C-alpha atoms as a PDB file:
ATOM      1  CA  MET A   1      25.725  -4.781  13.503  1.00  0.00           C
ATOM      2  CA  ASN A   2      22.515  -6.768  13.711  1.00  0.00           C
ATOM      3  CA  THR A   3      20.270  -6.670  10.687  1.00  0.00           C
ATOM      4  CA  VAL A   4      16.605  -7.370  10.030  1.00  0.00           C
ATOM      5  CA  ARG A   5      14.873  -8.365   6.847  1.00  0.00           C
ATOM      6  CA  LEU A   6      12.068  -6.047   5.724  1.00  0.00           C
ATOM      7  CA  ASN A   7       9.441  -6.462   3.079  1.00  0.00           C
ATOM      8  CA  ILE A   8       8.537  -3.011   1.755  1.00  0.00           C
ATOM      9  CA  THR A   9       6.585  -1.559  -1.129  1.00  0.00           C
ATOM     10  CA  LEU A  10       8.152   1.257  -3.143  1.00  0.00           C
ATOM     11  CA  PRO A  11       7.089   3.233  -6.178  1.00  0.00           C
ATOM     12  CA  GLU A  12       8.500   1.676  -9.325  1.00  0.00           C
ATOM     13  CA  SER A  13      10.524   4.805 -10.079  1.00  0.00           C
ATOM     14  CA  LEU A  14      12.394   4.505  -6.752  1.00  0.00           C
ATOM     15  CA  ASN A  15      13.061   0.854  -7.383  1.00  0.00           C
ATOM     16  CA  ASP A  16      14.451   1.746 -10.810  1.00  0.00           C
ATOM     17  CA  ASP A  17      16.733   4.369  -9.237  1.00  0.00           C
ATOM     18  CA  ILE A  18      17.965   1.926  -6.602  1.00  0.00           C
ATOM     19  CA  ASN A  19      18.701  -0.693  -9.248  1.00  0.00           C
ATOM     20  CA  ARG A  20      20.519   1.835 -11.430  1.00  0.00           C
ATOM     21  CA  PHE A  21      22.695   3.144  -8.598  1.00  0.00           C
ATOM     22  CA  SER A  22      23.352  -0.375  -7.358  1.00  0.00           C
ATOM     23  CA  LYS A  23      24.702  -1.446 -10.737  1.00  0.00           C
ATOM     24  CA  GLU A  24      26.680   1.710 -11.394  1.00  0.00           C
ATOM     25  CA  LEU A  25      28.264   1.859  -7.927  1.00  0.00           C
ATOM     26  CA  ASN A  26      28.590  -1.916  -7.604  1.00  0.00           C
ATOM     27  CA  GLU A  27      26.857  -1.747  -4.211  1.00  0.00           C
ATOM     28  CA  LYS A  28      24.142  -3.909  -2.752  1.00  0.00           C
ATOM     29  CA  LYS A  29      20.696  -2.386  -2.909  1.00  0.00           C
ATOM     30  CA  SER A  30      20.341  -2.792   0.852  1.00  0.00           C
ATOM     31  CA  HIS A  31      23.490  -0.699   1.363  1.00  0.00           C
ATOM     32  CA  ILE A  32      22.155   2.084  -0.851  1.00  0.00           C
ATOM     33  CA  ILE A  33      18.800   2.095   0.944  1.00  0.00           C
ATOM     34  CA  SER A  34      20.458   2.002   4.372  1.00  0.00           C
ATOM     35  CA  SER A  35      22.783   4.878   3.473  1.00  0.00           C
ATOM     36  CA  ALA A  36      19.884   6.919   2.102  1.00  0.00           C
ATOM     37  CA  LEU A  37      17.860   6.351   5.263  1.00  0.00           C
ATOM     38  CA  ASP A  38      20.826   7.316   7.456  1.00  0.00           C
ATOM     39  CA  MET A  39      21.154  10.607   5.580  1.00  0.00           C
ATOM     40  CA  TYR A  40      17.410  11.231   5.754  1.00  0.00           C
ATOM     41  CA  PHE A  41      17.322  10.546   9.499  1.00  0.00           C
ATOM     42  CA  ASP A  42      20.152  13.080   9.955  1.00  0.00           C
ATOM     43  CA  TYR A  43      17.990  15.580   8.067  1.00  0.00           C
ATOM     44  CA  LEU A  44      14.987  14.748  10.266  1.00  0.00           C
ATOM     45  CA  ASP A  45      17.101  15.207  13.407  1.00  0.00           C
ATOM     46  CA  LEU A  46      17.977  18.702  12.200  1.00  0.00           C
ATOM     47  CA  GLN A  47      14.331  19.470  11.434  1.00  0.00           C
ATOM     48  CA  LEU A  48      13.282  18.347  14.920  1.00  0.00           C
ATOM     49  CA  ALA A  49      16.025  20.398  16.556  1.00  0.00           C
ATOM     50  CA  GLU A  50      14.964  23.519  14.642  1.00  0.00           C
ATOM     51  CA  LYS A  51      11.308  22.896  15.534  1.00  0.00           C
ATOM     52  CA  ARG A  52      12.193  22.531  19.221  1.00  0.00           C
ATOM     53  CA  LEU A  53      14.264  25.725  19.153  1.00  0.00           C
ATOM     54  CA  ALA A  54      11.361  27.619  17.591  1.00  0.00           C
ATOM     55  CA  ASP A  55       8.905  26.319  20.226  1.00  0.00           C
ATOM     56  CA  LYS A  56       8.696  29.172  22.745  1.00  0.00           C
ATOM     57  CA  SER A  57       6.860  26.960  25.252  1.00  0.00           C
ATOM     58  CA  GLU A  58       9.980  24.790  25.640  1.00  0.00           C
ATOM     59  CA  GLU A  59      12.670  25.813  28.104  1.00  0.00           C
ATOM     60  CA  HIS A  60      16.050  26.275  26.479  1.00  0.00           C
ATOM     61  CA  ILE A  61      19.436  26.343  28.127  1.00  0.00           C
ATOM     62  CA  GLY A  62      22.264  28.536  26.904  1.00  0.00           C
ATOM     63  CA  LEU A  63      25.623  27.099  25.917  1.00  0.00           C
ATOM     64  CA  ASN A  64      27.448  28.600  28.887  1.00  0.00           C
ATOM     65  CA  ASP A  65      24.836  27.270  31.315  1.00  0.00           C
ATOM     66  CA  PHE A  66      25.039  23.864  29.657  1.00  0.00           C
ATOM     67  CA  PHE A  67      28.786  23.641  30.241  1.00  0.00           C
ATOM     68  CA  ASP A  68      28.420  25.016  33.760  1.00  0.00           C
ATOM     69  CA  GLU A  69      25.845  22.320  34.613  1.00  0.00           C
ATOM     70  CA  LEU A  70      28.245  19.686  33.306  1.00  0.00           C
ATOM     71  CA  GLY A  71      31.000  21.146  35.415  1.00  0.00           C
ATOM     72  CA  ALA A  72      33.063  21.441  32.289  1.00  0.00           C
ATOM     73  CA  ASN A  73      35.850  23.969  32.349  1.00  0.00           C
ATOM     74  CA  VAL A  74      35.594  24.914  28.696  1.00  0.00           C
ATOM     75  CA  GLN A  75      36.847  28.126  27.174  1.00  0.00           C
ATOM     76  CA  HIS A  76      33.872  29.499  25.264  1.00  0.00           C
END
């Protein structure tokens, strides 16, 4: 996995939390931040999906139609 170096500014309280978890879990701070962002992005993906489902102006496709379009012979 390629990595990039970032220079960010955080509230002191978050920095304190990161330092505390890093010491207690014996993990690098970058790993803790990366893991937290991964979880948050999963949450955002869910929020976007729910927003798109609620948007009545968007066309939605049913599950059966989805599989039919794929040509998948799935028992559903």
